[in-house]
Amino acid sequence: MVVAMPSWTDEEFGTKKRVALWLVQEVGLGSVFTKEQLRTAFEGVSQVDRRMRELRDHEWQIDTNREDPALDPSEHRFVRQGVPVWEPGMGSRKATESVGAVQRRSVLLKDNYLCRTCGIGNGEAYADGYGATSHLDIARRPVTLPGGGTEVQLVTECNRCRVGGRDAGADLSAFASALAQLSAYERKMLSAWMEQDARGFNEVEKLWGVYRTLPAAARADVRDMLL
């Protein structure tokens, strides 16, 4: 039996549940809203901002300008709907636990204070030239283990990569299968990169990387340069 979604205006529900319903019914997935719009919708309700933040404990993704530089400081973006907290028994069940300061420092140290998706360091400028700088944070990433089970592990990511890769995962079984196809020389080379946690690129590889980012007409011009 399908249970109808209650209205966000139903005051029989607590503020956190009503905020979740308001996001779904009034804001809409992917849309931007302001703190003022939230407070106006829940006029007279105390700590409504905190109740909204608590939804993140239930796998709701509500970005600020820290995660999404395109947002103004007063704006939020409703990125992902998590656990339906308005359903019986769901509102008190935390999907994730917060990362403590000690654990955060440990993860950053193990990841060499680098985003494990794009490789940028904390406070560094992005290469696109728009003036934005990176902010490193801790993300949760599901990892499929060699035995077939799945484990959520912590990883360092910058604000941009967290916005674009919330559903990213890793499959160690697939990685192991790919490793088995490598020659002894390739395995040794890969092992050296892992040991250094870095890989150098020669000039040809750097040019190839730039070429792949070019528009079609520009790529054609570059190909003509080699004739």
C-alpha atoms as a PDB file:
ATOM      1  CA  MET A   1       0.000   0.000   0.000  1.00  0.00           C
ATOM      2  CA  VAL A   2       1.388   3.398  -1.005  1.00  0.00           C
ATOM      3  CA  VAL A   3       1.129   6.013   1.736  1.00  0.00           C
ATOM      4  CA  ALA A   4       0.431   9.545   0.509  1.00  0.00           C
ATOM      5  CA  MET A   5       3.083  12.136   1.320  1.00  0.00           C
ATOM      6  CA  PRO A   6       1.797  14.516   4.010  1.00  0.00           C
ATOM      7  CA  SER A   7       1.748  18.275   3.522  1.00  0.00           C
ATOM      8  CA  TRP A   8       4.636  20.355   4.806  1.00  0.00           C
ATOM      9  CA  THR A   9       2.076  22.682   6.430  1.00  0.00           C
ATOM     10  CA  ASP A  10       0.796  19.938   8.738  1.00  0.00           C
ATOM     11  CA  GLU A  11       1.868  21.149  12.184  1.00  0.00           C
ATOM     12  CA  GLU A  12       1.379  17.683  13.678  1.00  0.00           C
ATOM     13  CA  PHE A  13       4.864  16.932  12.341  1.00  0.00           C
ATOM     14  CA  GLY A  14       8.073  18.247  13.883  1.00  0.00           C
ATOM     15  CA  THR A  15      10.061  21.030  12.251  1.00  0.00           C
ATOM     16  CA  LYS A  16      12.708  18.751  10.729  1.00  0.00           C
ATOM     17  CA  LYS A  17      10.069  16.619   9.011  1.00  0.00           C
ATOM     18  CA  ARG A  18       8.193  19.702   7.804  1.00  0.00           C
ATOM     19  CA  VAL A  19      11.389  21.229   6.384  1.00  0.00           C
ATOM     20  CA  ALA A  20      12.067  18.004   4.492  1.00  0.00           C
ATOM     21  CA  LEU A  21       8.565  18.066   3.056  1.00  0.00           C
ATOM     22  CA  TRP A  22       8.897  21.766   2.203  1.00  0.00           C
ATOM     23  CA  LEU A  23      12.076  21.075   0.242  1.00  0.00           C
ATOM     24  CA  VAL A  24      10.370  18.331  -1.750  1.00  0.00           C
ATOM     25  CA  GLN A  25       7.024  20.039  -2.281  1.00  0.00           C
ATOM     26  CA  GLU A  26       7.950  23.719  -2.576  1.00  0.00           C
ATOM     27  CA  VAL A  27      11.639  24.022  -3.519  1.00  0.00           C
ATOM     28  CA  GLY A  28      12.141  21.018  -5.767  1.00  0.00           C
ATOM     29  CA  LEU A  29      15.197  18.871  -6.380  1.00  0.00           C
ATOM     30  CA  GLY A  30      18.102  20.809  -7.896  1.00  0.00           C
ATOM     31  CA  SER A  31      16.620  24.217  -7.112  1.00  0.00           C
ATOM     32  CA  VAL A  32      18.148  27.095  -5.164  1.00  0.00           C
ATOM     33  CA  PHE A  33      16.498  28.694  -2.141  1.00  0.00           C
ATOM     34  CA  THR A  34      17.573  31.339   0.337  1.00  0.00           C
ATOM     35  CA  LYS A  35      17.739  31.376   4.115  1.00  0.00           C
ATOM     36  CA  GLU A  36      15.128  34.127   4.052  1.00  0.00           C
ATOM     37  CA  GLN A  37      12.708  31.943   2.067  1.00  0.00           C
ATOM     38  CA  LEU A  38      13.148  29.145   4.591  1.00  0.00           C
ATOM     39  CA  ARG A  39      12.555  31.454   7.561  1.00  0.00           C
ATOM     40  CA  THR A  40       9.539  33.070   5.873  1.00  0.00           C
ATOM     41  CA  ALA A  41       7.966  29.673   5.195  1.00  0.00           C
ATOM     42  CA  PHE A  42       8.460  28.732   8.858  1.00  0.00           C
ATOM     43  CA  GLU A  43       7.788  32.138  10.362  1.00  0.00           C
ATOM     44  CA  GLY A  44       7.855  32.043  14.143  1.00  0.00           C
ATOM     45  CA  VAL A  45       9.478  28.592  14.257  1.00  0.00           C
ATOM     46  CA  SER A  46      12.691  28.625  16.277  1.00  0.00           C
ATOM     47  CA  GLN A  47      15.940  26.985  15.092  1.00  0.00           C
ATOM     48  CA  VAL A  48      14.564  26.154  11.658  1.00  0.00           C
ATOM     49  CA  ASP A  49      18.059  26.517  10.156  1.00  0.00           C
ATOM     50  CA  ARG A  50      19.394  23.878  12.538  1.00  0.00           C
ATOM     51  CA  ARG A  51      16.527  21.497  11.785  1.00  0.00           C
ATOM     52  CA  MET A  52      17.379  21.814   8.074  1.00  0.00           C
ATOM     53  CA  ARG A  53      21.056  21.039   8.738  1.00  0.00           C
ATOM     54  CA  GLU A  54      20.027  17.944  10.695  1.00  0.00           C
ATOM     55  CA  LEU A  55      18.627  16.473   7.476  1.00  0.00           C
ATOM     56  CA  ARG A  56      22.221  15.928   6.347  1.00  0.00           C
ATOM     57  CA  ASP A  57      22.439  13.212   9.001  1.00  0.00           C
ATOM     58  CA  HIS A  58      19.776  11.387   6.991  1.00  0.00           C
ATOM     59  CA  GLU A  59      21.588  11.520   3.600  1.00  0.00           C
ATOM     60  CA  TRP A  60      19.948  14.740   2.413  1.00  0.00           C
ATOM     61  CA  GLN A  61      22.327  16.905   0.386  1.00  0.00           C
ATOM     62  CA  ILE A  62      21.758  20.636   0.851  1.00  0.00           C
ATOM     63  CA  ASP A  63      24.742  22.579  -0.472  1.00  0.00           C
ATOM     64  CA  THR A  64      25.999  25.987   0.587  1.00  0.00           C
ATOM     65  CA  ASN A  65      28.528  28.171  -1.214  1.00  0.00           C
ATOM     66  CA  ARG A  66      31.253  26.163   0.507  1.00  0.00           C
ATOM     67  CA  GLU A  67      30.330  23.094  -1.559  1.00  0.00           C
ATOM     68  CA  ASP A  68      29.018  25.016  -4.586  1.00  0.00           C
ATOM     69  CA  PRO A  69      30.938  28.256  -5.353  1.00  0.00           C
ATOM     70  CA  ALA A  70      28.169  29.357  -7.722  1.00  0.00           C
ATOM     71  CA  LEU A  71      25.910  30.015  -4.721  1.00  0.00           C
ATOM     72  CA  ASP A  72      25.776  33.255  -2.754  1.00  0.00           C
ATOM     73  CA  PRO A  73      26.407  33.091   1.010  1.00  0.00           C
ATOM     74  CA  SER A  74      22.671  33.339   1.688  1.00  0.00           C
ATOM     75  CA  GLU A  75      21.727  30.583  -0.781  1.00  0.00           C
ATOM     76  CA  HIS A  76      21.351  26.809  -0.585  1.00  0.00           C
ATOM     77  CA  ARG A  77      20.831  24.217  -3.295  1.00  0.00           C
ATOM     78  CA  PHE A  78      18.611  21.165  -2.691  1.00  0.00           C
ATOM     79  CA  VAL A  79      20.750  18.509  -4.390  1.00  0.00           C
ATOM     80  CA  ARG A  80      19.528  15.155  -3.096  1.00  0.00           C
ATOM     81  CA  GLN A  81      16.551  13.782  -1.175  1.00  0.00           C
ATOM     82  CA  GLY A  82      17.616  11.321   1.492  1.00  0.00           C
ATOM     83  CA  VAL A  83      15.706   9.236   4.014  1.00  0.00           C
ATOM     84  CA  PRO A  84      11.972  10.125   4.097  1.00  0.00           C
ATOM     85  CA  VAL A  85      12.081  11.344   7.693  1.00  0.00           C
ATOM     86  CA  TRP A  86       8.328  11.997   7.789  1.00  0.00           C
ATOM     87  CA  GLU A  87       7.604   8.261   7.594  1.00  0.00           C
ATOM     88  CA  PRO A  88       7.091   6.409  10.910  1.00  0.00           C
ATOM     89  CA  GLY A  89      10.380   5.433  12.559  1.00  0.00           C
ATOM     90  CA  MET A  90      12.585   7.165   9.999  1.00  0.00           C
ATOM     91  CA  GLY A  91      13.044  10.596  11.593  1.00  0.00           C
ATOM     92  CA  SER A  92      15.169   9.374  14.494  1.00  0.00           C
ATOM     93  CA  ARG A  93      17.402   7.052  12.459  1.00  0.00           C
ATOM     94  CA  LYS A  94      20.689   8.663  11.487  1.00  0.00           C
ATOM     95  CA  ALA A  95      22.041   7.385   8.177  1.00  0.00           C
ATOM     96  CA  THR A  96      25.531   8.701   8.876  1.00  0.00           C
ATOM     97  CA  GLU A  97      27.525   9.863  11.864  1.00  0.00           C
ATOM     98  CA  SER A  98      29.436  13.120  11.872  1.00  0.00           C
ATOM     99  CA  VAL A  99      33.205  13.068  11.411  1.00  0.00           C
ATOM    100  CA  GLY A 100      35.047  14.235  14.524  1.00  0.00           C
ATOM    101  CA  ALA A 101      38.029  16.577  14.482  1.00  0.00           C
ATOM    102  CA  VAL A 102      40.550  13.844  15.285  1.00  0.00           C
ATOM    103  CA  GLN A 103      39.171  11.549  12.596  1.00  0.00           C
ATOM    104  CA  ARG A 104      39.101  14.421  10.109  1.00  0.00           C
ATOM    105  CA  ARG A 105      42.780  15.220  10.689  1.00  0.00           C
ATOM    106  CA  SER A 106      43.664  11.534  10.336  1.00  0.00           C
ATOM    107  CA  VAL A 107      41.902  11.249   6.967  1.00  0.00           C
ATOM    108  CA  LEU A 108      43.502  14.460   5.665  1.00  0.00           C
ATOM    109  CA  LEU A 109      46.947  13.261   6.741  1.00  0.00           C
ATOM    110  CA  LYS A 110      46.553   9.848   5.112  1.00  0.00           C
ATOM    111  CA  ASP A 111      45.399  11.548   1.899  1.00  0.00           C
ATOM    112  CA  ASN A 112      48.395  13.952   1.995  1.00  0.00           C
ATOM    113  CA  TYR A 113      46.024  16.922   2.214  1.00  0.00           C
ATOM    114  CA  LEU A 114      45.020  16.439  -1.425  1.00  0.00           C
ATOM    115  CA  CYS A 115      41.631  15.981  -3.067  1.00  0.00           C
ATOM    116  CA  ARG A 116      41.545  12.311  -4.028  1.00  0.00           C
ATOM    117  CA  THR A 117      39.415  13.092  -7.075  1.00  0.00           C
ATOM    118  CA  CYS A 118      41.233  15.971  -8.803  1.00  0.00           C
ATOM    119  CA  GLY A 119      44.482  16.176  -6.799  1.00  0.00           C
ATOM    120  CA  ILE A 120      44.206  19.828  -5.754  1.00  0.00           C
ATOM    121  CA  GLY A 121      45.513  20.996  -2.369  1.00  0.00           C
ATOM    122  CA  ASN A 122      43.634  23.078   0.176  1.00  0.00           C
ATOM    123  CA  GLY A 123      43.370  26.776  -0.730  1.00  0.00           C
ATOM    124  CA  GLU A 124      44.855  26.308  -4.197  1.00  0.00           C
ATOM    125  CA  ALA A 125      43.371  28.092  -7.220  1.00  0.00           C
ATOM    126  CA  TYR A 126      41.532  25.973  -9.777  1.00  0.00           C
ATOM    127  CA  ALA A 127      43.061  25.836 -13.238  1.00  0.00           C
ATOM    128  CA  ASP A 128      39.984  27.269 -14.987  1.00  0.00           C
ATOM    129  CA  GLY A 129      41.081  30.796 -14.105  1.00  0.00           C
ATOM    130  CA  TYR A 130      37.837  31.943 -12.460  1.00  0.00           C
ATOM    131  CA  GLY A 131      39.585  32.860  -9.237  1.00  0.00           C
ATOM    132  CA  ALA A 132      37.930  30.213  -7.049  1.00  0.00           C
ATOM    133  CA  THR A 133      40.110  28.417  -4.530  1.00  0.00           C
ATOM    134  CA  SER A 134      39.664  24.933  -3.161  1.00  0.00           C
ATOM    135  CA  HIS A 135      38.400  23.893   0.244  1.00  0.00           C
ATOM    136  CA  LEU A 136      39.119  20.342   1.378  1.00  0.00           C
ATOM    137  CA  ASP A 137      36.524  18.373   3.274  1.00  0.00           C
ATOM    138  CA  ILE A 138      35.774  14.761   4.184  1.00  0.00           C
ATOM    139  CA  ALA A 139      33.440  12.739   1.962  1.00  0.00           C
ATOM    140  CA  ARG A 140      31.982   9.267   2.323  1.00  0.00           C
ATOM    141  CA  ARG A 141      32.548   6.867  -0.543  1.00  0.00           C
ATOM    142  CA  PRO A 142      31.048   3.376  -0.915  1.00  0.00           C
ATOM    143  CA  VAL A 143      33.757   0.824  -1.690  1.00  0.00           C
ATOM    144  CA  THR A 144      32.976  -2.629  -3.072  1.00  0.00           C
ATOM    145  CA  LEU A 145      35.431  -4.975  -1.377  1.00  0.00           C
ATOM    146  CA  PRO A 146      37.195  -7.924  -3.080  1.00  0.00           C
ATOM    147  CA  GLY A 147      34.944 -10.352  -1.195  1.00  0.00           C
ATOM    148  CA  GLY A 148      31.826  -8.681  -2.577  1.00  0.00           C
ATOM    149  CA  GLY A 149      30.657  -6.671   0.424  1.00  0.00           C
ATOM    150  CA  THR A 150      30.351  -2.884   0.474  1.00  0.00           C
ATOM    151  CA  GLU A 151      31.918  -0.550   3.025  1.00  0.00           C
ATOM    152  CA  VAL A 152      31.568   3.213   3.314  1.00  0.00           C
ATOM    153  CA  GLN A 153      35.031   4.761   3.726  1.00  0.00           C
ATOM    154  CA  LEU A 154      36.148   8.337   4.350  1.00  0.00           C
ATOM    155  CA  VAL A 155      38.131  10.224   1.713  1.00  0.00           C
ATOM    156  CA  THR A 156      39.389  13.776   1.186  1.00  0.00           C
ATOM    157  CA  GLU A 157      37.643  15.770  -1.552  1.00  0.00           C
ATOM    158  CA  CYS A 158      37.536  19.427  -2.517  1.00  0.00           C
ATOM    159  CA  ASN A 159      34.315  21.423  -2.581  1.00  0.00           C
ATOM    160  CA  ARG A 160      33.908  21.147  -6.365  1.00  0.00           C
ATOM    161  CA  CYS A 161      34.446  17.413  -6.559  1.00  0.00           C
ATOM    162  CA  ARG A 162      32.024  16.808  -3.704  1.00  0.00           C
ATOM    163  CA  VAL A 163      29.316  18.634  -5.657  1.00  0.00           C
ATOM    164  CA  GLY A 164      29.915  16.621  -8.815  1.00  0.00           C
ATOM    165  CA  GLY A 165      30.679  13.229  -7.336  1.00  0.00           C
ATOM    166  CA  ARG A 166      28.328  12.487  -4.474  1.00  0.00           C
ATOM    167  CA  ASP A 167      27.302   9.175  -6.015  1.00  0.00           C
ATOM    168  CA  ALA A 168      30.848   8.105  -6.916  1.00  0.00           C
ATOM    169  CA  GLY A 169      32.065   4.750  -5.657  1.00  0.00           C
ATOM    170  CA  ALA A 170      34.992   2.376  -5.964  1.00  0.00           C
ATOM    171  CA  ASP A 171      35.103  -1.300  -6.910  1.00  0.00           C
ATOM    172  CA  LEU A 172      38.181  -3.142  -5.673  1.00  0.00           C
ATOM    173  CA  SER A 173      37.135  -6.351  -7.412  1.00  0.00           C
ATOM    174  CA  ALA A 174      37.192  -4.568 -10.779  1.00  0.00           C
ATOM    175  CA  PHE A 175      40.513  -2.977  -9.851  1.00  0.00           C
ATOM    176  CA  ALA A 176      41.991  -6.385  -9.038  1.00  0.00           C
ATOM    177  CA  SER A 177      40.825  -7.765 -12.392  1.00  0.00           C
ATOM    178  CA  ALA A 178      42.466  -4.844 -14.212  1.00  0.00           C
ATOM    179  CA  LEU A 179      45.709  -5.345 -12.265  1.00  0.00           C
ATOM    180  CA  ALA A 180      45.826  -8.973 -13.374  1.00  0.00           C
ATOM    181  CA  GLN A 181      46.027  -7.811 -17.000  1.00  0.00           C
ATOM    182  CA  LEU A 182      49.176  -5.728 -16.446  1.00  0.00           C
ATOM    183  CA  SER A 183      52.643  -6.846 -17.385  1.00  0.00           C
ATOM    184  CA  ALA A 184      55.383  -7.122 -14.738  1.00  0.00           C
ATOM    185  CA  TYR A 185      56.872  -3.810 -15.973  1.00  0.00           C
ATOM    186  CA  GLU A 186      53.494  -2.044 -15.770  1.00  0.00           C
ATOM    187  CA  ARG A 187      52.876  -3.387 -12.256  1.00  0.00           C
ATOM    188  CA  LYS A 188      56.290  -2.164 -11.123  1.00  0.00           C
ATOM    189  CA  MET A 189      55.652   1.276 -12.627  1.00  0.00           C
ATOM    190  CA  LEU A 190      52.240   1.520 -10.981  1.00  0.00           C
ATOM    191  CA  SER A 191      53.696   0.399  -7.663  1.00  0.00           C
ATOM    192  CA  ALA A 192      56.269   3.200  -7.840  1.00  0.00           C
ATOM    193  CA  TRP A 193      53.549   5.788  -8.444  1.00  0.00           C
ATOM    194  CA  MET A 194      51.603   4.430  -5.465  1.00  0.00           C
ATOM    195  CA  GLU A 195      54.675   4.558  -3.236  1.00  0.00           C
ATOM    196  CA  GLN A 196      55.301   8.211  -4.152  1.00  0.00           C
ATOM    197  CA  ASP A 197      51.567   9.023  -4.215  1.00  0.00           C
ATOM    198  CA  ALA A 198      52.329  10.984  -7.378  1.00  0.00           C
ATOM    199  CA  ARG A 199      52.895  10.512 -11.070  1.00  0.00           C
ATOM    200  CA  GLY A 200      54.943  12.686 -13.375  1.00  0.00           C
ATOM    201  CA  PHE A 201      53.760  13.466 -16.895  1.00  0.00           C
ATOM    202  CA  ASN A 202      56.040  13.977 -19.872  1.00  0.00           C
ATOM    203  CA  GLU A 203      55.430  16.771 -22.392  1.00  0.00           C
ATOM    204  CA  VAL A 204      53.538  14.555 -24.845  1.00  0.00           C
ATOM    205  CA  GLU A 205      51.128  13.403 -22.112  1.00  0.00           C
ATOM    206  CA  LYS A 206      50.600  17.001 -20.976  1.00  0.00           C
ATOM    207  CA  LEU A 207      49.791  18.067 -24.544  1.00  0.00           C
ATOM    208  CA  TRP A 208      47.382  15.147 -24.927  1.00  0.00           C
ATOM    209  CA  GLY A 209      45.596  16.227 -21.754  1.00  0.00           C
ATOM    210  CA  VAL A 210      45.201  19.783 -23.067  1.00  0.00           C
ATOM    211  CA  TYR A 211      44.109  18.534 -26.506  1.00  0.00           C
ATOM    212  CA  ARG A 212      41.276  16.472 -25.044  1.00  0.00           C
ATOM    213  CA  THR A 213      39.786  19.578 -23.398  1.00  0.00           C
ATOM    214  CA  LEU A 214      39.584  21.572 -26.656  1.00  0.00           C
ATOM    215  CA  PRO A 215      36.411  22.162 -28.705  1.00  0.00           C
ATOM    216  CA  ALA A 216      36.072  20.170 -31.930  1.00  0.00           C
ATOM    217  CA  ALA A 217      37.185  23.004 -34.233  1.00  0.00           C
ATOM    218  CA  ALA A 218      40.254  23.687 -32.088  1.00  0.00           C
ATOM    219  CA  ARG A 219      41.117  19.976 -32.032  1.00  0.00           C
ATOM    220  CA  ALA A 220      40.997  19.968 -35.836  1.00  0.00           C
ATOM    221  CA  ASP A 221      43.375  22.954 -35.928  1.00  0.00           C
ATOM    222  CA  VAL A 222      45.798  21.142 -33.632  1.00  0.00           C
ATOM    223  CA  ARG A 223      45.709  18.009 -35.798  1.00  0.00           C
ATOM    224  CA  ASP A 224      46.545  20.142 -38.830  1.00  0.00           C
ATOM    225  CA  MET A 225      49.612  21.477 -36.968  1.00  0.00           C
ATOM    226  CA  LEU A 226      51.065  17.960 -36.976  1.00  0.00           C
ATOM    227  CA  LEU A 227      50.758  17.501 -40.743  1.00  0.00           C
END
